[in-house]
Amino acid sequence: MIGDNELNDLQEKIGYHFKDKNLLLQALTHSSFANEQRINKRGDYERLEFLGDAVLELVSSHYLFKTYPEKREGEMTKMRAAMVCEPALAYCAAAIHLEKYLILGKGEEATGGRFRESIISDVMEAIIGAIYLDSGIDAARAHIEKFILDNPEEKQIFYDSKSVLQELVQKDSTAELRYEICGEKGPEHDKIFEAAVFVGDKKLGEGSGRTKKAAEQKAAYQAILELKKE
């Protein structure tokens, strides 16, 4: 359970102070914690996540429509999908260390839920929903543009780096593109995976992450940077 100091710390980080702090508490509360509370049972983030997802789609669609007048519908759809997908939202959440503020049940905590991308991304959307209820669409838009929609083209490459790398390699080489998990460290509930990406026998990039997929994405991103230098 977190207290007022932690709530104030998070509000400072996101640059938004809630009129109704209960909305923020609900946005941070996983169903595992809510279900454990027999007295003063608090709601979890799922309804706020539902609302936040819709607000995020609207704001990101409007942002791309306004910012890229030359892009076709299909291109904007692809950009939006890359920017608001689960790994993207979890990556954005890392800037504010959102995992520190999650309110989890004992079982979920014990199995590593605090660092699970699916939970972190859900909470990002729940916070958007909470801000929308607390102050309306303009406040929600400001939050989304600050934390999710900044540098969209650069982020698109990161979020979809494996696909981008595959396209780059196929243009210039017939060698096999492959990924290897080179190691892992940390306890079972808090593992860090290390990955490398190769084209043929040449290692192009390395990366680490809390999931194998995240480690591979980061390795692919490093490989893209290396290829762009050549």
C-alpha atoms as a PDB file:
ATOM      1  CA  MET A   1       0.000   0.000   0.000  1.00  0.00           C
ATOM      2  CA  ILE A   2       1.296   3.482  -0.774  1.00  0.00           C
ATOM      3  CA  GLY A   3       0.759   6.644   1.245  1.00  0.00           C
ATOM      4  CA  ASP A   4       0.371  10.358   0.597  1.00  0.00           C
ATOM      5  CA  ASN A   5       4.104  10.878   0.111  1.00  0.00           C
ATOM      6  CA  GLU A   6       4.230   8.363  -2.718  1.00  0.00           C
ATOM      7  CA  LEU A   7       1.066   9.753  -4.300  1.00  0.00           C
ATOM      8  CA  ASN A   8       2.473  13.282  -4.166  1.00  0.00           C
ATOM      9  CA  ASP A   9       5.769  12.051  -5.622  1.00  0.00           C
ATOM     10  CA  LEU A  10       3.973  10.448  -8.572  1.00  0.00           C
ATOM     11  CA  GLN A  11       1.842  13.543  -9.166  1.00  0.00           C
ATOM     12  CA  GLU A  12       4.998  15.675  -9.243  1.00  0.00           C
ATOM     13  CA  LYS A  13       6.530  13.328 -11.800  1.00  0.00           C
ATOM     14  CA  ILE A  14       3.536  13.443 -14.144  1.00  0.00           C
ATOM     15  CA  GLY A  15       3.005  17.150 -13.593  1.00  0.00           C
ATOM     16  CA  TYR A  16      -0.640  16.755 -12.696  1.00  0.00           C
ATOM     17  CA  HIS A  17      -2.255  17.016  -9.247  1.00  0.00           C
ATOM     18  CA  PHE A  18      -5.612  15.345  -8.786  1.00  0.00           C
ATOM     19  CA  LYS A  19      -8.548  17.152  -7.267  1.00  0.00           C
ATOM     20  CA  ASP A  20      -9.871  13.696  -6.325  1.00  0.00           C
ATOM     21  CA  LYS A  21      -6.921  11.557  -5.213  1.00  0.00           C
ATOM     22  CA  ASN A  22      -9.193   8.527  -4.980  1.00  0.00           C
ATOM     23  CA  LEU A  23      -9.198   8.433  -8.779  1.00  0.00           C
ATOM     24  CA  LEU A  24      -5.415   8.114  -8.789  1.00  0.00           C
ATOM     25  CA  LEU A  25      -5.515   5.448  -6.086  1.00  0.00           C
ATOM     26  CA  GLN A  26      -8.037   3.451  -8.095  1.00  0.00           C
ATOM     27  CA  ALA A  27      -5.927   3.806 -11.249  1.00  0.00           C
ATOM     28  CA  LEU A  28      -2.966   2.266  -9.414  1.00  0.00           C
ATOM     29  CA  THR A  29      -4.904  -0.590  -7.800  1.00  0.00           C
ATOM     30  CA  HIS A  30      -4.742  -4.046  -9.370  1.00  0.00           C
ATOM     31  CA  SER A  31      -7.706  -6.387  -9.024  1.00  0.00           C
ATOM     32  CA  SER A  32      -5.580  -8.755  -6.911  1.00  0.00           C
ATOM     33  CA  PHE A  33      -5.354  -6.126  -4.165  1.00  0.00           C
ATOM     34  CA  ALA A  34      -8.991  -5.057  -4.477  1.00  0.00           C
ATOM     35  CA  ASN A  35     -10.131  -8.674  -4.140  1.00  0.00           C
ATOM     36  CA  GLU A  36      -8.065  -9.191  -0.985  1.00  0.00           C
ATOM     37  CA  GLN A  37      -9.731  -6.294   0.831  1.00  0.00           C
ATOM     38  CA  ARG A  38     -12.694  -7.581   2.828  1.00  0.00           C
ATOM     39  CA  ILE A  39     -13.257  -4.238   4.571  1.00  0.00           C
ATOM     40  CA  ASN A  40     -13.326  -0.868   2.792  1.00  0.00           C
ATOM     41  CA  LYS A  41     -13.019  -2.658  -0.509  1.00  0.00           C
ATOM     42  CA  ARG A  42     -11.612  -0.375  -3.182  1.00  0.00           C
ATOM     43  CA  GLY A  43     -12.290  -0.663  -6.891  1.00  0.00           C
ATOM     44  CA  ASP A  44      -9.491  -1.660  -9.250  1.00  0.00           C
ATOM     45  CA  TYR A  45      -8.203   0.074 -12.368  1.00  0.00           C
ATOM     46  CA  GLU A  46     -10.060  -1.943 -15.001  1.00  0.00           C
ATOM     47  CA  ARG A  47     -12.961   0.475 -15.602  1.00  0.00           C
ATOM     48  CA  LEU A  48     -10.582   3.435 -15.715  1.00  0.00           C
ATOM     49  CA  GLU A  49      -8.361   1.524 -18.135  1.00  0.00           C
ATOM     50  CA  PHE A  50     -11.361   0.980 -20.432  1.00  0.00           C
ATOM     51  CA  LEU A  51     -12.039   4.720 -20.457  1.00  0.00           C
ATOM     52  CA  GLY A  52      -8.381   5.685 -20.766  1.00  0.00           C
ATOM     53  CA  ASP A  53      -7.900   3.398 -23.752  1.00  0.00           C
ATOM     54  CA  ALA A  54     -10.680   5.213 -25.616  1.00  0.00           C
ATOM     55  CA  VAL A  55      -9.304   8.650 -24.701  1.00  0.00           C
ATOM     56  CA  LEU A  56      -5.796   7.597 -25.782  1.00  0.00           C
ATOM     57  CA  GLU A  57      -7.071   6.380 -29.149  1.00  0.00           C
ATOM     58  CA  LEU A  58      -8.958   9.622 -29.773  1.00  0.00           C
ATOM     59  CA  VAL A  59      -6.097  11.910 -28.727  1.00  0.00           C
ATOM     60  CA  SER A  60      -3.407   9.959 -30.598  1.00  0.00           C
ATOM     61  CA  SER A  61      -5.554   9.793 -33.744  1.00  0.00           C
ATOM     62  CA  HIS A  62      -6.173  13.544 -33.661  1.00  0.00           C
ATOM     63  CA  TYR A  63      -2.483  14.211 -33.000  1.00  0.00           C
ATOM     64  CA  LEU A  64      -1.345  12.149 -35.988  1.00  0.00           C
ATOM     65  CA  PHE A  65      -4.062  13.618 -38.237  1.00  0.00           C
ATOM     66  CA  LYS A  66      -2.948  17.151 -37.344  1.00  0.00           C
ATOM     67  CA  THR A  67       0.821  16.542 -37.318  1.00  0.00           C
ATOM     68  CA  TYR A  68       1.141  14.481 -40.515  1.00  0.00           C
ATOM     69  CA  PRO A  69      -1.259  15.933 -43.122  1.00  0.00           C
ATOM     70  CA  GLU A  70       0.605  14.085 -45.889  1.00  0.00           C
ATOM     71  CA  LYS A  71       0.155  10.588 -44.433  1.00  0.00           C
ATOM     72  CA  ARG A  72      -2.543   8.217 -45.575  1.00  0.00           C
ATOM     73  CA  GLU A  73      -4.960   6.458 -43.229  1.00  0.00           C
ATOM     74  CA  GLY A  74      -3.002   3.191 -43.350  1.00  0.00           C
ATOM     75  CA  GLU A  75       0.266   4.887 -42.399  1.00  0.00           C
ATOM     76  CA  MET A  76      -1.346   6.715 -39.480  1.00  0.00           C
ATOM     77  CA  THR A  77      -2.989   3.512 -38.280  1.00  0.00           C
ATOM     78  CA  LYS A  78       0.395   1.778 -38.263  1.00  0.00           C
ATOM     79  CA  MET A  79       2.030   4.669 -36.391  1.00  0.00           C
ATOM     80  CA  ARG A  80      -0.749   4.795 -33.812  1.00  0.00           C
ATOM     81  CA  ALA A  81      -0.580   1.045 -33.228  1.00  0.00           C
ATOM     82  CA  ALA A  82       3.175   1.241 -32.659  1.00  0.00           C
ATOM     83  CA  MET A  83       2.914   4.186 -30.262  1.00  0.00           C
ATOM     84  CA  VAL A  84       0.112   2.905 -28.021  1.00  0.00           C
ATOM     85  CA  CYS A  85       0.806  -0.831 -27.940  1.00  0.00           C
ATOM     86  CA  GLU A  86       1.619  -2.615 -24.687  1.00  0.00           C
ATOM     87  CA  PRO A  87       5.444  -2.476 -24.953  1.00  0.00           C
ATOM     88  CA  ALA A  88       5.255   1.197 -25.981  1.00  0.00           C
ATOM     89  CA  LEU A  89       3.189   2.214 -22.973  1.00  0.00           C
ATOM     90  CA  ALA A  90       5.393   0.191 -20.629  1.00  0.00           C
ATOM     91  CA  TYR A  91       8.458   1.888 -22.117  1.00  0.00           C
ATOM     92  CA  CYS A  92       6.918   5.328 -21.551  1.00  0.00           C
ATOM     93  CA  ALA A  93       6.040   4.345 -17.971  1.00  0.00           C
ATOM     94  CA  ALA A  94       9.699   3.615 -17.251  1.00  0.00           C
ATOM     95  CA  ALA A  95      10.438   7.358 -17.386  1.00  0.00           C
ATOM     96  CA  ILE A  96       8.413   7.874 -14.199  1.00  0.00           C
ATOM     97  CA  HIS A  97       9.191   4.470 -12.632  1.00  0.00           C
ATOM     98  CA  LEU A  98       5.488   3.724 -12.532  1.00  0.00           C
ATOM     99  CA  GLU A  99       6.117   0.209 -11.244  1.00  0.00           C
ATOM    100  CA  LYS A 100       7.063   1.694  -7.835  1.00  0.00           C
ATOM    101  CA  TYR A 101       3.515   2.958  -7.296  1.00  0.00           C
ATOM    102  CA  LEU A 102       1.447  -0.087  -8.264  1.00  0.00           C
ATOM    103  CA  ILE A 103      -0.879  -1.429  -5.558  1.00  0.00           C
ATOM    104  CA  LEU A 104      -0.857  -5.215  -5.881  1.00  0.00           C
ATOM    105  CA  GLY A 105      -2.159  -8.181  -3.944  1.00  0.00           C
ATOM    106  CA  LYS A 106       0.363 -10.423  -2.224  1.00  0.00           C
ATOM    107  CA  GLY A 107       0.066 -13.188  -4.813  1.00  0.00           C
ATOM    108  CA  GLU A 108       0.542 -10.858  -7.774  1.00  0.00           C
ATOM    109  CA  GLU A 109       3.484  -9.197  -6.050  1.00  0.00           C
ATOM    110  CA  ALA A 110       5.119 -12.557  -5.393  1.00  0.00           C
ATOM    111  CA  THR A 111       4.898 -13.613  -9.041  1.00  0.00           C
ATOM    112  CA  GLY A 112       6.530 -10.455 -10.426  1.00  0.00           C
ATOM    113  CA  GLY A 113       3.421  -8.496 -11.355  1.00  0.00           C
ATOM    114  CA  ARG A 114       5.094  -5.216 -10.445  1.00  0.00           C
ATOM    115  CA  PHE A 115       7.314  -5.486 -13.517  1.00  0.00           C
ATOM    116  CA  ARG A 116       4.825  -7.102 -15.904  1.00  0.00           C
ATOM    117  CA  GLU A 117       4.407  -5.007 -19.056  1.00  0.00           C
ATOM    118  CA  SER A 118       0.727  -5.883 -19.388  1.00  0.00           C
ATOM    119  CA  ILE A 119      -0.058  -4.482 -15.923  1.00  0.00           C
ATOM    120  CA  ILE A 120       2.116  -1.392 -16.300  1.00  0.00           C
ATOM    121  CA  SER A 121       0.566  -0.513 -19.664  1.00  0.00           C
ATOM    122  CA  ASP A 122      -2.925  -1.022 -18.242  1.00  0.00           C
ATOM    123  CA  VAL A 123      -2.137   1.377 -15.404  1.00  0.00           C
ATOM    124  CA  MET A 124      -0.834   3.964 -17.873  1.00  0.00           C
ATOM    125  CA  GLU A 125      -4.231   3.867 -19.584  1.00  0.00           C
ATOM    126  CA  ALA A 126      -6.060   3.917 -16.246  1.00  0.00           C
ATOM    127  CA  ILE A 127      -4.203   7.093 -15.242  1.00  0.00           C
ATOM    128  CA  ILE A 128      -5.311   8.693 -18.513  1.00  0.00           C
ATOM    129  CA  GLY A 129      -8.892   7.728 -17.687  1.00  0.00           C
ATOM    130  CA  ALA A 130      -8.523   9.124 -14.173  1.00  0.00           C
ATOM    131  CA  ILE A 131      -7.153  12.452 -15.412  1.00  0.00           C
ATOM    132  CA  TYR A 132      -9.989  12.668 -17.943  1.00  0.00           C
ATOM    133  CA  LEU A 133     -12.599  12.185 -15.202  1.00  0.00           C
ATOM    134  CA  ASP A 134     -10.806  14.590 -12.878  1.00  0.00           C
ATOM    135  CA  SER A 135     -10.276  17.494 -15.309  1.00  0.00           C
ATOM    136  CA  GLY A 136     -11.531  16.650 -18.791  1.00  0.00           C
ATOM    137  CA  ILE A 137     -10.097  16.047 -22.249  1.00  0.00           C
ATOM    138  CA  ASP A 138      -7.601  18.939 -22.329  1.00  0.00           C
ATOM    139  CA  ALA A 139      -5.772  17.725 -19.220  1.00  0.00           C
ATOM    140  CA  ALA A 140      -5.769  14.167 -20.550  1.00  0.00           C
ATOM    141  CA  ARG A 141      -4.442  15.367 -23.910  1.00  0.00           C
ATOM    142  CA  ALA A 142      -1.614  17.303 -22.248  1.00  0.00           C
ATOM    143  CA  HIS A 143      -0.593  14.195 -20.289  1.00  0.00           C
ATOM    144  CA  ILE A 144      -0.695  11.948 -23.372  1.00  0.00           C
ATOM    145  CA  GLU A 145       1.290  14.364 -25.526  1.00  0.00           C
ATOM    146  CA  LYS A 146       3.919  14.771 -22.803  1.00  0.00           C
ATOM    147  CA  PHE A 147       4.486  11.104 -21.996  1.00  0.00           C
ATOM    148  CA  ILE A 148       3.353   9.071 -25.012  1.00  0.00           C
ATOM    149  CA  LEU A 149       3.267  11.140 -28.197  1.00  0.00           C
ATOM    150  CA  ASP A 150       6.611  12.924 -27.919  1.00  0.00           C
ATOM    151  CA  ASN A 151       9.060  12.096 -30.751  1.00  0.00           C
ATOM    152  CA  PRO A 152       6.602   9.780 -32.555  1.00  0.00           C
ATOM    153  CA  GLU A 153       8.853   8.853 -35.489  1.00  0.00           C
ATOM    154  CA  GLU A 154      11.797   7.943 -33.273  1.00  0.00           C
ATOM    155  CA  LYS A 155       9.563   5.973 -30.928  1.00  0.00           C
ATOM    156  CA  GLN A 156       7.947   4.124 -33.819  1.00  0.00           C
ATOM    157  CA  ILE A 157      11.346   2.744 -34.786  1.00  0.00           C
ATOM    158  CA  PHE A 158      11.981   1.637 -31.210  1.00  0.00           C
ATOM    159  CA  TYR A 159       8.587   0.080 -30.618  1.00  0.00           C
ATOM    160  CA  ASP A 160       8.584  -1.814 -33.886  1.00  0.00           C
ATOM    161  CA  SER A 161      12.334  -2.236 -34.148  1.00  0.00           C
ATOM    162  CA  LYS A 162      12.280  -5.957 -34.983  1.00  0.00           C
ATOM    163  CA  SER A 163      10.083  -5.352 -38.038  1.00  0.00           C
ATOM    164  CA  VAL A 164      12.106  -2.303 -39.115  1.00  0.00           C
ATOM    165  CA  LEU A 165      15.366  -4.241 -38.774  1.00  0.00           C
ATOM    166  CA  GLN A 166      14.008  -7.154 -40.792  1.00  0.00           C
ATOM    167  CA  GLU A 167      13.067  -4.803 -43.643  1.00  0.00           C
ATOM    168  CA  LEU A 168      16.502  -3.150 -43.588  1.00  0.00           C
ATOM    169  CA  VAL A 169      18.345  -6.473 -43.618  1.00  0.00           C
ATOM    170  CA  GLN A 170      16.215  -7.965 -46.407  1.00  0.00           C
ATOM    171  CA  LYS A 171      17.035  -5.010 -48.658  1.00  0.00           C
ATOM    172  CA  ASP A 172      20.803  -5.488 -48.450  1.00  0.00           C
ATOM    173  CA  SER A 173      21.491  -9.079 -47.448  1.00  0.00           C
ATOM    174  CA  THR A 174      20.364 -12.655 -47.913  1.00  0.00           C
ATOM    175  CA  ALA A 175      21.944 -13.706 -44.608  1.00  0.00           C
ATOM    176  CA  GLU A 176      19.730 -15.019 -41.820  1.00  0.00           C
ATOM    177  CA  LEU A 177      18.516 -12.579 -39.177  1.00  0.00           C
ATOM    178  CA  ARG A 178      18.356 -14.279 -35.790  1.00  0.00           C
ATOM    179  CA  TYR A 179      18.085 -13.487 -32.104  1.00  0.00           C
ATOM    180  CA  GLU A 180      19.743 -15.242 -29.181  1.00  0.00           C
ATOM    181  CA  ILE A 181      18.971 -14.972 -25.464  1.00  0.00           C
ATOM    182  CA  CYS A 182      22.509 -14.724 -24.105  1.00  0.00           C
ATOM    183  CA  GLY A 183      21.779 -14.740 -20.405  1.00  0.00           C
ATOM    184  CA  GLU A 184      19.463 -13.879 -17.570  1.00  0.00           C
ATOM    185  CA  LYS A 185      19.983 -12.541 -14.077  1.00  0.00           C
ATOM    186  CA  GLY A 186      17.982 -11.782 -10.974  1.00  0.00           C
ATOM    187  CA  PRO A 187      15.424 -13.780  -8.962  1.00  0.00           C
ATOM    188  CA  GLU A 188      12.633 -15.711 -10.676  1.00  0.00           C
ATOM    189  CA  HIS A 189      10.034 -12.992 -10.098  1.00  0.00           C
ATOM    190  CA  ASP A 190      12.341 -10.162 -11.243  1.00  0.00           C
ATOM    191  CA  LYS A 191      14.484 -11.494 -14.079  1.00  0.00           C
ATOM    192  CA  ILE A 192      16.457  -9.412 -16.555  1.00  0.00           C
ATOM    193  CA  PHE A 193      17.021 -11.092 -19.928  1.00  0.00           C
ATOM    194  CA  GLU A 194      19.930 -10.291 -22.238  1.00  0.00           C
ATOM    195  CA  ALA A 195      19.602 -10.707 -25.994  1.00  0.00           C
ATOM    196  CA  ALA A 196      21.746 -10.262 -29.083  1.00  0.00           C
ATOM    197  CA  VAL A 197      20.806 -10.020 -32.745  1.00  0.00           C
ATOM    198  CA  PHE A 198      22.909 -11.428 -35.568  1.00  0.00           C
ATOM    199  CA  VAL A 199      22.922 -11.171 -39.331  1.00  0.00           C
ATOM    200  CA  GLY A 200      24.675 -14.325 -40.375  1.00  0.00           C
ATOM    201  CA  ASP A 201      27.636 -14.571 -37.987  1.00  0.00           C
ATOM    202  CA  LYS A 202      27.883 -10.828 -37.382  1.00  0.00           C
ATOM    203  CA  LYS A 203      26.486  -9.471 -34.121  1.00  0.00           C
ATOM    204  CA  LEU A 204      24.755  -6.156 -34.769  1.00  0.00           C
ATOM    205  CA  GLY A 205      23.189  -5.286 -31.432  1.00  0.00           C
ATOM    206  CA  GLU A 206      22.603  -6.213 -27.806  1.00  0.00           C
ATOM    207  CA  GLY A 207      19.828  -5.359 -25.371  1.00  0.00           C
ATOM    208  CA  SER A 208      18.332  -6.254 -22.023  1.00  0.00           C
ATOM    209  CA  GLY A 209      14.805  -6.219 -20.657  1.00  0.00           C
ATOM    210  CA  ARG A 210      12.379  -7.755 -18.180  1.00  0.00           C
ATOM    211  CA  THR A 211      10.973  -9.995 -20.912  1.00  0.00           C
ATOM    212  CA  LYS A 212      12.713 -11.825 -23.743  1.00  0.00           C
ATOM    213  CA  LYS A 213      10.654  -9.834 -26.242  1.00  0.00           C
ATOM    214  CA  ALA A 214      11.704  -6.506 -24.701  1.00  0.00           C
ATOM    215  CA  ALA A 215      15.367  -7.547 -24.747  1.00  0.00           C
ATOM    216  CA  GLU A 216      15.107  -8.510 -28.417  1.00  0.00           C
ATOM    217  CA  GLN A 217      13.401  -5.219 -29.292  1.00  0.00           C
ATOM    218  CA  LYS A 218      16.216  -3.258 -27.652  1.00  0.00           C
ATOM    219  CA  ALA A 219      18.851  -5.362 -29.408  1.00  0.00           C
ATOM    220  CA  ALA A 220      17.103  -4.709 -32.720  1.00  0.00           C
ATOM    221  CA  TYR A 221      17.007  -0.974 -32.012  1.00  0.00           C
ATOM    222  CA  GLN A 222      20.771  -0.942 -31.367  1.00  0.00           C
ATOM    223  CA  ALA A 223      21.282  -2.857 -34.617  1.00  0.00           C
ATOM    224  CA  ILE A 224      19.230  -0.265 -36.536  1.00  0.00           C
ATOM    225  CA  LEU A 225      21.420   2.512 -35.125  1.00  0.00           C
ATOM    226  CA  GLU A 226      24.542   0.626 -36.221  1.00  0.00           C
ATOM    227  CA  LEU A 227      23.204   0.081 -39.743  1.00  0.00           C
ATOM    228  CA  LYS A 228      22.308   3.758 -40.079  1.00  0.00           C
ATOM    229  CA  LYS A 229      25.953   4.659 -39.340  1.00  0.00           C
ATOM    230  CA  GLU A 230      27.198   2.616 -42.321  1.00  0.00           C
END
